[in-house]
Amino acid sequence: MPKKIFLLAMSFLITACTQALLTTVNVPTEFDDNKIIRDVAYGSDASQKMDIYTPANSGDKKMDVIVFLYGGRWSFGTKEDYQFVGAAFANQGYITVIPDYRKYPAVHFPIFVDDSAKALAWVYDHITAYHGEPDHIFLVGHSAGAHIGALLATDTHYLIAEGKKTSDVIHGFIGLAGPYAFTPDEPDLEDMFGPPANYPKMQATTFVDGHQPPMLLLRGSEDATVKPLNLDRLEQAIRERGGYVQSITYPHTDHVDILGDLTWLGNSHAPVRSDITKYIHTIDGRTVTN
């Protein structure tokens, strides 16, 4: 695997430094047969839009749904940056939804979580029109997106505000390199999530009660961006309260190239695509009771 090329390309993708490398990562999506419905509004703000990827030749059969929340330090990124994710999961036979959400500094916590809850509720209410199965929605997130997704899975008030029950809407949660239990320690993060009295509200571990949707938590052994204690604390809290959780640590994999298996460049150390598929099949097989 050309890991150095992948790391360079993805690092530019995450920081939006060059459109050329971003185009390189996403170029295969221009040639597959999946259908993309772009800029579907789930709210009135310009940022409250989503893209929906539907598998080619799917016919009228009902399909499982993946809602992917991208990362970017809660501050940057767009759904267009992650076309490769939409294509990767659509190629596996999943309806895949990638929403945008409002970001810092235009907004502060918890607005980006509120937006994601609104997007998820919209998917639950409308995905049947795209042959998606609303009772089989899997929430997947990377980095800041995994943090948002974990809060949606554990803090029930976000979906209650949209008139939904978490247990109805989220069939399972998959987090990639998520900062689930961190304490802000840099000026922008302190401003984004503060004041300090507010910090417990942005930590998913605060809300674990054993009744959250089943979770699969993935991380790379060489992740220098998100500390291992984030996954460890969330996993421990879930196990102590009798919930269902699996975790995988990938060797020789860092915060960025954990996404590599979802691109045409691949990542032999982190078979994320197949691990997510296996997990979804486990949950769909009703072998998990919670």
C-alpha atoms as a PDB file:
ATOM      1  CA  MET A   1       0.000   0.000   0.000  1.00  0.00           C
ATOM      2  CA  PRO A   2       1.411   3.449  -0.873  1.00  0.00           C
ATOM      3  CA  LYS A   3       0.917   4.669   2.694  1.00  0.00           C
ATOM      4  CA  LYS A   4       2.989   7.830   2.370  1.00  0.00           C
ATOM      5  CA  ILE A   5       0.934   8.934  -0.624  1.00  0.00           C
ATOM      6  CA  PHE A   6      -2.284   8.213   1.261  1.00  0.00           C
ATOM      7  CA  LEU A   7      -1.164  10.092   4.369  1.00  0.00           C
ATOM      8  CA  LEU A   8      -0.161  13.099   2.302  1.00  0.00           C
ATOM      9  CA  ALA A   9      -3.403  13.106   0.349  1.00  0.00           C
ATOM     10  CA  MET A  10      -5.615  12.666   3.392  1.00  0.00           C
ATOM     11  CA  SER A  11      -3.704  15.223   5.412  1.00  0.00           C
ATOM     12  CA  PHE A  12      -4.340  17.776   2.703  1.00  0.00           C
ATOM     13  CA  LEU A  13      -7.970  16.647   2.579  1.00  0.00           C
ATOM     14  CA  ILE A  14      -8.502  17.191   6.283  1.00  0.00           C
ATOM     15  CA  THR A  15      -6.902  20.650   6.242  1.00  0.00           C
ATOM     16  CA  ALA A  16      -8.405  21.600   2.864  1.00  0.00           C
ATOM     17  CA  CYS A  17      -4.986  22.774   1.677  1.00  0.00           C
ATOM     18  CA  THR A  18      -5.327  21.669  -1.915  1.00  0.00           C
ATOM     19  CA  GLN A  19      -8.258  20.905  -4.137  1.00  0.00           C
ATOM     20  CA  ALA A  20      -6.034  18.819  -6.416  1.00  0.00           C
ATOM     21  CA  LEU A  21      -5.322  16.126  -3.819  1.00  0.00           C
ATOM     22  CA  LEU A  22      -8.919  16.169  -2.651  1.00  0.00           C
ATOM     23  CA  THR A  23      -9.991  15.527  -6.224  1.00  0.00           C
ATOM     24  CA  THR A  24      -7.524  12.636  -6.421  1.00  0.00           C
ATOM     25  CA  VAL A  25      -9.041  10.923  -3.384  1.00  0.00           C
ATOM     26  CA  ASN A  26     -12.570  11.358  -4.704  1.00  0.00           C
ATOM     27  CA  VAL A  27     -11.983  10.822  -8.424  1.00  0.00           C
ATOM     28  CA  PRO A  28     -13.292   7.205  -8.554  1.00  0.00           C
ATOM     29  CA  THR A  29     -16.710   8.421  -7.428  1.00  0.00           C
ATOM     30  CA  GLU A  30     -17.072  10.152 -10.796  1.00  0.00           C
ATOM     31  CA  PHE A  31     -17.003   6.807 -12.587  1.00  0.00           C
ATOM     32  CA  ASP A  32     -19.119   4.431 -10.506  1.00  0.00           C
ATOM     33  CA  ASP A  33     -22.796   3.792 -11.118  1.00  0.00           C
ATOM     34  CA  ASN A  34     -24.155   4.847  -7.745  1.00  0.00           C
ATOM     35  CA  LYS A  35     -26.794   7.551  -7.760  1.00  0.00           C
ATOM     36  CA  ILE A  36     -26.120  10.684  -5.702  1.00  0.00           C
ATOM     37  CA  ILE A  37     -28.944  12.992  -4.659  1.00  0.00           C
ATOM     38  CA  ARG A  38     -27.201  16.196  -3.647  1.00  0.00           C
ATOM     39  CA  ASP A  39     -28.080  19.064  -1.330  1.00  0.00           C
ATOM     40  CA  VAL A  40     -31.208  17.622   0.235  1.00  0.00           C
ATOM     41  CA  ALA A  41     -32.316  20.106   2.885  1.00  0.00           C
ATOM     42  CA  TYR A  42     -33.033  18.862   6.402  1.00  0.00           C
ATOM     43  CA  GLY A  43     -33.381  22.378   7.841  1.00  0.00           C
ATOM     44  CA  SER A  44     -33.595  25.998   6.815  1.00  0.00           C
ATOM     45  CA  ASP A  45     -29.944  26.998   7.299  1.00  0.00           C
ATOM     46  CA  ALA A  46     -27.623  26.912   4.281  1.00  0.00           C
ATOM     47  CA  SER A  47     -25.404  24.375   6.068  1.00  0.00           C
ATOM     48  CA  GLN A  48     -28.287  22.013   6.837  1.00  0.00           C
ATOM     49  CA  LYS A  49     -28.046  19.923   3.693  1.00  0.00           C
ATOM     50  CA  MET A  50     -27.094  16.330   2.970  1.00  0.00           C
ATOM     51  CA  ASP A  51     -26.060  14.106   0.080  1.00  0.00           C
ATOM     52  CA  ILE A  52     -27.678  10.685  -0.325  1.00  0.00           C
ATOM     53  CA  TYR A  53     -25.827   7.857  -2.083  1.00  0.00           C
ATOM     54  CA  THR A  54     -27.939   4.978  -3.371  1.00  0.00           C
ATOM     55  CA  PRO A  55     -26.380   1.748  -4.678  1.00  0.00           C
ATOM     56  CA  ALA A  56     -26.517   1.028  -8.390  1.00  0.00           C
ATOM     57  CA  ASN A  57     -29.032  -1.571  -9.562  1.00  0.00           C
ATOM     58  CA  SER A  58     -30.632  -1.782  -6.136  1.00  0.00           C
ATOM     59  CA  GLY A  59     -34.160  -2.013  -7.493  1.00  0.00           C
ATOM     60  CA  ASP A  60     -36.960  -1.672  -4.981  1.00  0.00           C
ATOM     61  CA  LYS A  61     -35.438  -3.751  -2.196  1.00  0.00           C
ATOM     62  CA  LYS A  62     -35.177  -2.159   1.236  1.00  0.00           C
ATOM     63  CA  MET A  63     -31.605  -1.431   2.284  1.00  0.00           C
ATOM     64  CA  ASP A  64     -29.771  -0.688   5.497  1.00  0.00           C
ATOM     65  CA  VAL A  65     -28.768   2.946   5.932  1.00  0.00           C
ATOM     66  CA  ILE A  66     -25.455   4.476   6.994  1.00  0.00           C
ATOM     67  CA  VAL A  67     -25.369   8.099   8.149  1.00  0.00           C
ATOM     68  CA  PHE A  68     -21.757   9.312   8.131  1.00  0.00           C
ATOM     69  CA  LEU A  69     -20.649  12.288  10.242  1.00  0.00           C
ATOM     70  CA  TYR A  70     -17.276  13.599   9.117  1.00  0.00           C
ATOM     71  CA  GLY A  71     -14.620  15.163  11.327  1.00  0.00           C
ATOM     72  CA  GLY A  72     -12.658  18.395  11.111  1.00  0.00           C
ATOM     73  CA  ARG A  73     -12.234  19.691  14.678  1.00  0.00           C
ATOM     74  CA  TRP A  74     -15.898  20.786  14.644  1.00  0.00           C
ATOM     75  CA  SER A  75     -14.600  23.676  12.511  1.00  0.00           C
ATOM     76  CA  PHE A  76     -14.122  22.633   8.889  1.00  0.00           C
ATOM     77  CA  GLY A  77     -14.968  20.044   6.252  1.00  0.00           C
ATOM     78  CA  THR A  78     -17.864  19.538   3.855  1.00  0.00           C
ATOM     79  CA  LYS A  79     -19.915  16.611   2.671  1.00  0.00           C
ATOM     80  CA  GLU A  80     -18.279  16.935  -0.751  1.00  0.00           C
ATOM     81  CA  ASP A  81     -14.899  16.150   0.836  1.00  0.00           C
ATOM     82  CA  TYR A  82     -16.175  12.704   1.786  1.00  0.00           C
ATOM     83  CA  GLN A  83     -17.661  11.474  -1.468  1.00  0.00           C
ATOM     84  CA  PHE A  84     -15.266   8.523  -1.228  1.00  0.00           C
ATOM     85  CA  VAL A  85     -17.047   7.429   1.972  1.00  0.00           C
ATOM     86  CA  GLY A  86     -20.468   7.644   0.348  1.00  0.00           C
ATOM     87  CA  ALA A  87     -19.236   5.631  -2.620  1.00  0.00           C
ATOM     88  CA  ALA A  88     -17.446   3.036  -0.473  1.00  0.00           C
ATOM     89  CA  PHE A  89     -20.553   2.184   1.537  1.00  0.00           C
ATOM     90  CA  ALA A  90     -22.933   2.447  -1.424  1.00  0.00           C
ATOM     91  CA  ASN A  91     -20.717  -0.065  -3.218  1.00  0.00           C
ATOM     92  CA  GLN A  92     -21.310  -2.375  -0.247  1.00  0.00           C
ATOM     93  CA  GLY A  93     -25.066  -2.070  -0.743  1.00  0.00           C
ATOM     94  CA  TYR A  94     -25.928   0.589   1.845  1.00  0.00           C
ATOM     95  CA  ILE A  95     -27.896   3.780   1.338  1.00  0.00           C
ATOM     96  CA  THR A  96     -25.380   6.305   2.612  1.00  0.00           C
ATOM     97  CA  VAL A  97     -26.192   9.788   3.866  1.00  0.00           C
ATOM     98  CA  ILE A  98     -23.557  12.458   4.499  1.00  0.00           C
ATOM     99  CA  PRO A  99     -24.915  15.616   6.127  1.00  0.00           C
ATOM    100  CA  ASP A 100     -23.223  18.952   6.588  1.00  0.00           C
ATOM    101  CA  TYR A 101     -23.657  20.739   9.912  1.00  0.00           C
ATOM    102  CA  ARG A 102     -22.900  24.194  11.260  1.00  0.00           C
ATOM    103  CA  LYS A 103     -19.403  24.673  12.662  1.00  0.00           C
ATOM    104  CA  TYR A 104     -17.260  26.761  14.961  1.00  0.00           C
ATOM    105  CA  PRO A 105     -16.666  29.718  15.110  1.00  0.00           C
ATOM    106  CA  ALA A 106     -20.046  30.496  13.564  1.00  0.00           C
ATOM    107  CA  VAL A 107     -21.643  28.346  16.267  1.00  0.00           C
ATOM    108  CA  HIS A 108     -20.606  26.764  19.568  1.00  0.00           C
ATOM    109  CA  PHE A 109     -21.411  23.449  21.237  1.00  0.00           C
ATOM    110  CA  PRO A 110     -24.002  21.959  21.136  1.00  0.00           C
ATOM    111  CA  ILE A 111     -25.277  23.427  17.840  1.00  0.00           C
ATOM    112  CA  PHE A 112     -23.351  20.979  15.648  1.00  0.00           C
ATOM    113  CA  VAL A 113     -24.832  18.116  17.659  1.00  0.00           C
ATOM    114  CA  ASP A 114     -28.306  19.647  17.368  1.00  0.00           C
ATOM    115  CA  ASP A 115     -27.875  19.854  13.587  1.00  0.00           C
ATOM    116  CA  SER A 116     -26.761  16.236  13.363  1.00  0.00           C
ATOM    117  CA  ALA A 117     -29.777  15.145  15.420  1.00  0.00           C
ATOM    118  CA  LYS A 118     -32.038  17.061  13.048  1.00  0.00           C
ATOM    119  CA  ALA A 119     -30.370  15.382  10.052  1.00  0.00           C
ATOM    120  CA  LEU A 120     -30.738  11.948  11.636  1.00  0.00           C
ATOM    121  CA  ALA A 121     -34.413  12.559  12.401  1.00  0.00           C
ATOM    122  CA  TRP A 122     -34.973  13.653   8.789  1.00  0.00           C
ATOM    123  CA  VAL A 123     -33.378  10.436   7.553  1.00  0.00           C
ATOM    124  CA  TYR A 124     -35.601   8.371   9.831  1.00  0.00           C
ATOM    125  CA  ASP A 125     -38.718  10.130   8.537  1.00  0.00           C
ATOM    126  CA  HIS A 126     -37.853  10.206   4.814  1.00  0.00           C
ATOM    127  CA  ILE A 127     -35.379   7.465   3.891  1.00  0.00           C
ATOM    128  CA  THR A 128     -38.107   5.051   2.801  1.00  0.00           C
ATOM    129  CA  ALA A 129     -38.544   7.253  -0.277  1.00  0.00           C
ATOM    130  CA  TYR A 130     -35.012   6.192  -1.257  1.00  0.00           C
ATOM    131  CA  HIS A 131     -35.652   2.502  -0.415  1.00  0.00           C
ATOM    132  CA  GLY A 132     -33.880   2.786   2.903  1.00  0.00           C
ATOM    133  CA  GLU A 133     -35.002   0.897   5.992  1.00  0.00           C
ATOM    134  CA  PRO A 134     -35.610   3.426   8.822  1.00  0.00           C
ATOM    135  CA  ASP A 135     -35.369   0.732  11.486  1.00  0.00           C
ATOM    136  CA  HIS A 136     -31.862  -0.143  10.283  1.00  0.00           C
ATOM    137  CA  ILE A 137     -29.987   3.166  10.468  1.00  0.00           C
ATOM    138  CA  PHE A 138     -26.332   2.877  11.470  1.00  0.00           C
ATOM    139  CA  LEU A 139     -24.579   6.040  12.598  1.00  0.00           C
ATOM    140  CA  VAL A 140     -20.889   6.204  11.643  1.00  0.00           C
ATOM    141  CA  GLY A 141     -18.519   9.023  12.537  1.00  0.00           C
ATOM    142  CA  HIS A 142     -14.835   9.891  12.286  1.00  0.00           C
ATOM    143  CA  SER A 143     -12.964  12.111  14.755  1.00  0.00           C
ATOM    144  CA  ALA A 144     -15.191  15.099  15.630  1.00  0.00           C
ATOM    145  CA  GLY A 145     -17.983  13.314  13.766  1.00  0.00           C
ATOM    146  CA  ALA A 146     -17.512  10.278  16.009  1.00  0.00           C
ATOM    147  CA  HIS A 147     -17.754  12.564  19.031  1.00  0.00           C
ATOM    148  CA  ILE A 148     -21.028  13.993  17.736  1.00  0.00           C
ATOM    149  CA  GLY A 149     -22.344  10.524  16.925  1.00  0.00           C
ATOM    150  CA  ALA A 150     -21.464   9.172  20.368  1.00  0.00           C
ATOM    151  CA  LEU A 151     -23.372  12.015  22.001  1.00  0.00           C
ATOM    152  CA  LEU A 152     -26.409  11.284  19.814  1.00  0.00           C
ATOM    153  CA  ALA A 153     -26.198   7.627  20.843  1.00  0.00           C
ATOM    154  CA  THR A 154     -25.845   8.304  24.580  1.00  0.00           C
ATOM    155  CA  ASP A 155     -27.542  11.625  25.389  1.00  0.00           C
ATOM    156  CA  THR A 156     -31.175  11.017  24.539  1.00  0.00           C
ATOM    157  CA  HIS A 157     -32.256  14.653  24.772  1.00  0.00           C
ATOM    158  CA  TYR A 158     -30.923  15.502  21.286  1.00  0.00           C
ATOM    159  CA  LEU A 159     -33.303  13.178  19.454  1.00  0.00           C
ATOM    160  CA  ILE A 160     -36.115  13.800  21.945  1.00  0.00           C
ATOM    161  CA  ALA A 161     -35.919  17.440  20.854  1.00  0.00           C
ATOM    162  CA  GLU A 162     -36.689  16.177  17.330  1.00  0.00           C
ATOM    163  CA  GLY A 163     -39.596  14.065  18.563  1.00  0.00           C
ATOM    164  CA  LYS A 164     -37.658  10.783  18.347  1.00  0.00           C
ATOM    165  CA  LYS A 165     -36.398   8.023  20.609  1.00  0.00           C
ATOM    166  CA  THR A 166     -32.720   7.140  20.290  1.00  0.00           C
ATOM    167  CA  SER A 167     -33.504   3.425  20.396  1.00  0.00           C
ATOM    168  CA  ASP A 168     -35.854   3.820  17.414  1.00  0.00           C
ATOM    169  CA  VAL A 169     -33.538   5.895  15.250  1.00  0.00           C
ATOM    170  CA  ILE A 170     -30.023   4.519  15.858  1.00  0.00           C
ATOM    171  CA  HIS A 171     -29.736   0.791  15.217  1.00  0.00           C
ATOM    172  CA  GLY A 172     -26.011   0.860  15.942  1.00  0.00           C
ATOM    173  CA  PHE A 173     -23.115   3.298  16.272  1.00  0.00           C
ATOM    174  CA  ILE A 174     -19.626   2.955  14.783  1.00  0.00           C
ATOM    175  CA  GLY A 175     -16.984   5.428  15.928  1.00  0.00           C
ATOM    176  CA  LEU A 176     -13.618   5.910  14.220  1.00  0.00           C
ATOM    177  CA  ALA A 177     -10.943   7.699  16.263  1.00  0.00           C
ATOM    178  CA  GLY A 178     -13.461   9.597  18.364  1.00  0.00           C
ATOM    179  CA  PRO A 179     -12.604  11.991  21.234  1.00  0.00           C
ATOM    180  CA  TYR A 180     -15.462  10.724  23.375  1.00  0.00           C
ATOM    181  CA  ALA A 181     -14.266  11.763  26.830  1.00  0.00           C
ATOM    182  CA  PHE A 182     -11.709  14.537  26.415  1.00  0.00           C
ATOM    183  CA  THR A 183     -11.451  17.797  28.328  1.00  0.00           C
ATOM    184  CA  PRO A 184     -10.806  20.892  26.173  1.00  0.00           C
ATOM    185  CA  ASP A 185      -7.274  22.198  26.737  1.00  0.00           C
ATOM    186  CA  GLU A 186      -6.666  24.547  23.809  1.00  0.00           C
ATOM    187  CA  PRO A 187      -8.086  28.060  23.387  1.00  0.00           C
ATOM    188  CA  ASP A 188     -10.386  27.325  20.458  1.00  0.00           C
ATOM    189  CA  LEU A 189     -11.752  24.175  22.106  1.00  0.00           C
ATOM    190  CA  GLU A 190     -12.237  25.971  25.430  1.00  0.00           C
ATOM    191  CA  ASP A 191     -14.208  28.657  23.629  1.00  0.00           C
ATOM    192  CA  MET A 192     -16.111  26.108  21.557  1.00  0.00           C
ATOM    193  CA  PHE A 193     -17.230  23.922  24.479  1.00  0.00           C
ATOM    194  CA  GLY A 194     -16.893  26.197  27.519  1.00  0.00           C
ATOM    195  CA  PRO A 195     -17.369  27.267  30.177  1.00  0.00           C
ATOM    196  CA  PRO A 196     -15.738  24.402  32.155  1.00  0.00           C
ATOM    197  CA  ALA A 197     -18.993  23.678  33.975  1.00  0.00           C
ATOM    198  CA  ASN A 198     -20.336  22.684  30.564  1.00  0.00           C
ATOM    199  CA  TYR A 199     -17.647  20.071  29.841  1.00  0.00           C
ATOM    200  CA  PRO A 200     -19.494  17.024  31.259  1.00  0.00           C
ATOM    201  CA  LYS A 201     -22.276  17.709  28.743  1.00  0.00           C
ATOM    202  CA  MET A 202     -19.868  17.218  25.815  1.00  0.00           C
ATOM    203  CA  GLN A 203     -18.442  13.919  27.100  1.00  0.00           C
ATOM    204  CA  ALA A 204     -20.342  10.831  25.957  1.00  0.00           C
ATOM    205  CA  THR A 205     -19.285   8.923  29.076  1.00  0.00           C
ATOM    206  CA  THR A 206     -21.491  11.216  31.166  1.00  0.00           C
ATOM    207  CA  PHE A 207     -24.652   9.734  29.645  1.00  0.00           C
ATOM    208  CA  VAL A 208     -23.911   6.015  29.332  1.00  0.00           C
ATOM    209  CA  ASP A 209     -26.600   4.006  31.121  1.00  0.00           C
ATOM    210  CA  GLY A 210     -26.347   0.591  29.459  1.00  0.00           C
ATOM    211  CA  HIS A 211     -29.331   1.222  27.183  1.00  0.00           C
ATOM    212  CA  GLN A 212     -27.516   3.063  24.382  1.00  0.00           C
ATOM    213  CA  PRO A 213     -27.415   1.443  20.922  1.00  0.00           C
ATOM    214  CA  PRO A 214     -24.744  -1.216  20.390  1.00  0.00           C
ATOM    215  CA  MET A 215     -21.365   0.292  19.535  1.00  0.00           C
ATOM    216  CA  LEU A 216     -18.269  -0.580  17.547  1.00  0.00           C
ATOM    217  CA  LEU A 217     -15.308   1.639  18.464  1.00  0.00           C
ATOM    218  CA  LEU A 218     -12.290   1.710  16.140  1.00  0.00           C
ATOM    219  CA  ARG A 219      -8.916   3.396  16.587  1.00  0.00           C
ATOM    220  CA  GLY A 220      -5.361   3.296  15.278  1.00  0.00           C
ATOM    221  CA  SER A 221      -2.450   2.340  17.504  1.00  0.00           C
ATOM    222  CA  GLU A 222      -0.445   5.330  16.248  1.00  0.00           C
ATOM    223  CA  ASP A 223      -3.157   7.970  16.664  1.00  0.00           C
ATOM    224  CA  ALA A 224      -1.388  11.014  18.101  1.00  0.00           C
ATOM    225  CA  THR A 225      -4.415  13.292  17.724  1.00  0.00           C
ATOM    226  CA  VAL A 226      -6.966  11.515  19.942  1.00  0.00           C
ATOM    227  CA  LYS A 227      -5.661   9.873  23.119  1.00  0.00           C
ATOM    228  CA  PRO A 228      -6.473   6.182  23.731  1.00  0.00           C
ATOM    229  CA  LEU A 229      -8.227   7.037  26.999  1.00  0.00           C
ATOM    230  CA  ASN A 230     -11.184   8.333  24.984  1.00  0.00           C
ATOM    231  CA  LEU A 231     -12.091   4.903  23.642  1.00  0.00           C
ATOM    232  CA  ASP A 232     -11.012   3.173  26.855  1.00  0.00           C
ATOM    233  CA  ARG A 233     -13.242   5.308  29.068  1.00  0.00           C
ATOM    234  CA  LEU A 234     -16.280   4.968  26.830  1.00  0.00           C
ATOM    235  CA  GLU A 235     -15.829   1.223  26.457  1.00  0.00           C
ATOM    236  CA  GLN A 236     -15.377   0.796  30.201  1.00  0.00           C
ATOM    237  CA  ALA A 237     -18.461   2.855  31.004  1.00  0.00           C
ATOM    238  CA  ILE A 238     -20.576   0.795  28.607  1.00  0.00           C
ATOM    239  CA  ARG A 239     -19.326  -2.541  29.941  1.00  0.00           C
ATOM    240  CA  GLU A 240     -19.787  -1.500  33.577  1.00  0.00           C
ATOM    241  CA  ARG A 241     -23.419  -0.633  32.855  1.00  0.00           C
ATOM    242  CA  GLY A 242     -24.168  -3.792  30.897  1.00  0.00           C
ATOM    243  CA  GLY A 243     -24.290  -2.295  27.406  1.00  0.00           C
ATOM    244  CA  TYR A 244     -22.978  -3.818  24.196  1.00  0.00           C
ATOM    245  CA  VAL A 245     -19.652  -2.640  22.791  1.00  0.00           C
ATOM    246  CA  GLN A 246     -16.877  -4.006  20.608  1.00  0.00           C
ATOM    247  CA  SER A 247     -13.545  -2.316  19.990  1.00  0.00           C
ATOM    248  CA  ILE A 248     -10.689  -2.804  17.539  1.00  0.00           C
ATOM    249  CA  THR A 249      -7.241  -1.222  17.589  1.00  0.00           C
ATOM    250  CA  TYR A 250      -5.467  -1.289  14.222  1.00  0.00           C
ATOM    251  CA  PRO A 251      -1.660  -1.562  14.169  1.00  0.00           C
ATOM    252  CA  HIS A 252       0.488   0.909  12.248  1.00  0.00           C
ATOM    253  CA  THR A 253      -2.543   3.202  11.784  1.00  0.00           C
ATOM    254  CA  ASP A 254      -2.998   6.808  12.846  1.00  0.00           C
ATOM    255  CA  HIS A 255      -5.814   9.323  13.123  1.00  0.00           C
ATOM    256  CA  VAL A 256      -6.010   9.996   9.386  1.00  0.00           C
ATOM    257  CA  ASP A 257      -5.205   6.714   7.684  1.00  0.00           C
ATOM    258  CA  ILE A 258      -7.877   4.858   9.646  1.00  0.00           C
ATOM    259  CA  LEU A 259     -10.028   6.132   6.750  1.00  0.00           C
ATOM    260  CA  GLY A 260      -7.657   4.644   4.191  1.00  0.00           C
ATOM    261  CA  ASP A 261      -9.593   1.425   3.633  1.00  0.00           C
ATOM    262  CA  LEU A 262     -12.550   3.505   2.440  1.00  0.00           C
ATOM    263  CA  THR A 263     -10.470   4.984  -0.406  1.00  0.00           C
ATOM    264  CA  TRP A 264      -9.095   3.434  -3.595  1.00  0.00           C
ATOM    265  CA  LEU A 265      -5.629   3.603  -1.992  1.00  0.00           C
ATOM    266  CA  GLY A 266      -6.600   1.169   0.755  1.00  0.00           C
ATOM    267  CA  ASN A 267      -5.027   0.370   4.128  1.00  0.00           C
ATOM    268  CA  SER A 268      -4.072  -3.258   4.697  1.00  0.00           C
ATOM    269  CA  HIS A 269      -3.517  -2.625   8.415  1.00  0.00           C
ATOM    270  CA  ALA A 270      -7.041  -1.330   9.028  1.00  0.00           C
ATOM    271  CA  PRO A 271      -9.797  -3.306   7.241  1.00  0.00           C
ATOM    272  CA  VAL A 272     -12.401  -0.780   8.353  1.00  0.00           C
ATOM    273  CA  ARG A 273     -14.861  -1.512   5.560  1.00  0.00           C
ATOM    274  CA  SER A 274     -15.093  -5.239   6.241  1.00  0.00           C
ATOM    275  CA  ASP A 275     -15.131  -4.776  10.023  1.00  0.00           C
ATOM    276  CA  ILE A 276     -18.032  -2.339   9.777  1.00  0.00           C
ATOM    277  CA  THR A 277     -19.885  -4.691   7.428  1.00  0.00           C
ATOM    278  CA  LYS A 278     -19.385  -7.640   9.796  1.00  0.00           C
ATOM    279  CA  TYR A 279     -20.637  -5.562  12.695  1.00  0.00           C
ATOM    280  CA  ILE A 280     -23.743  -4.452  10.808  1.00  0.00           C
ATOM    281  CA  HIS A 281     -24.488  -8.068   9.874  1.00  0.00           C
ATOM    282  CA  THR A 282     -24.161  -9.028  13.548  1.00  0.00           C
ATOM    283  CA  ILE A 283     -26.639  -6.377  14.633  1.00  0.00           C
ATOM    284  CA  ASP A 284     -28.985  -7.136  11.741  1.00  0.00           C
ATOM    285  CA  GLY A 285     -28.834 -10.816  12.659  1.00  0.00           C
ATOM    286  CA  ARG A 286     -30.368  -9.908  16.016  1.00  0.00           C
ATOM    287  CA  THR A 287     -27.536 -11.704  17.822  1.00  0.00           C
ATOM    288  CA  VAL A 288     -27.233  -8.633  20.019  1.00  0.00           C
ATOM    289  CA  THR A 289     -29.788  -7.936  22.702  1.00  0.00           C
ATOM    290  CA  ASN A 290     -29.565  -4.795  24.752  1.00  0.00           C
END
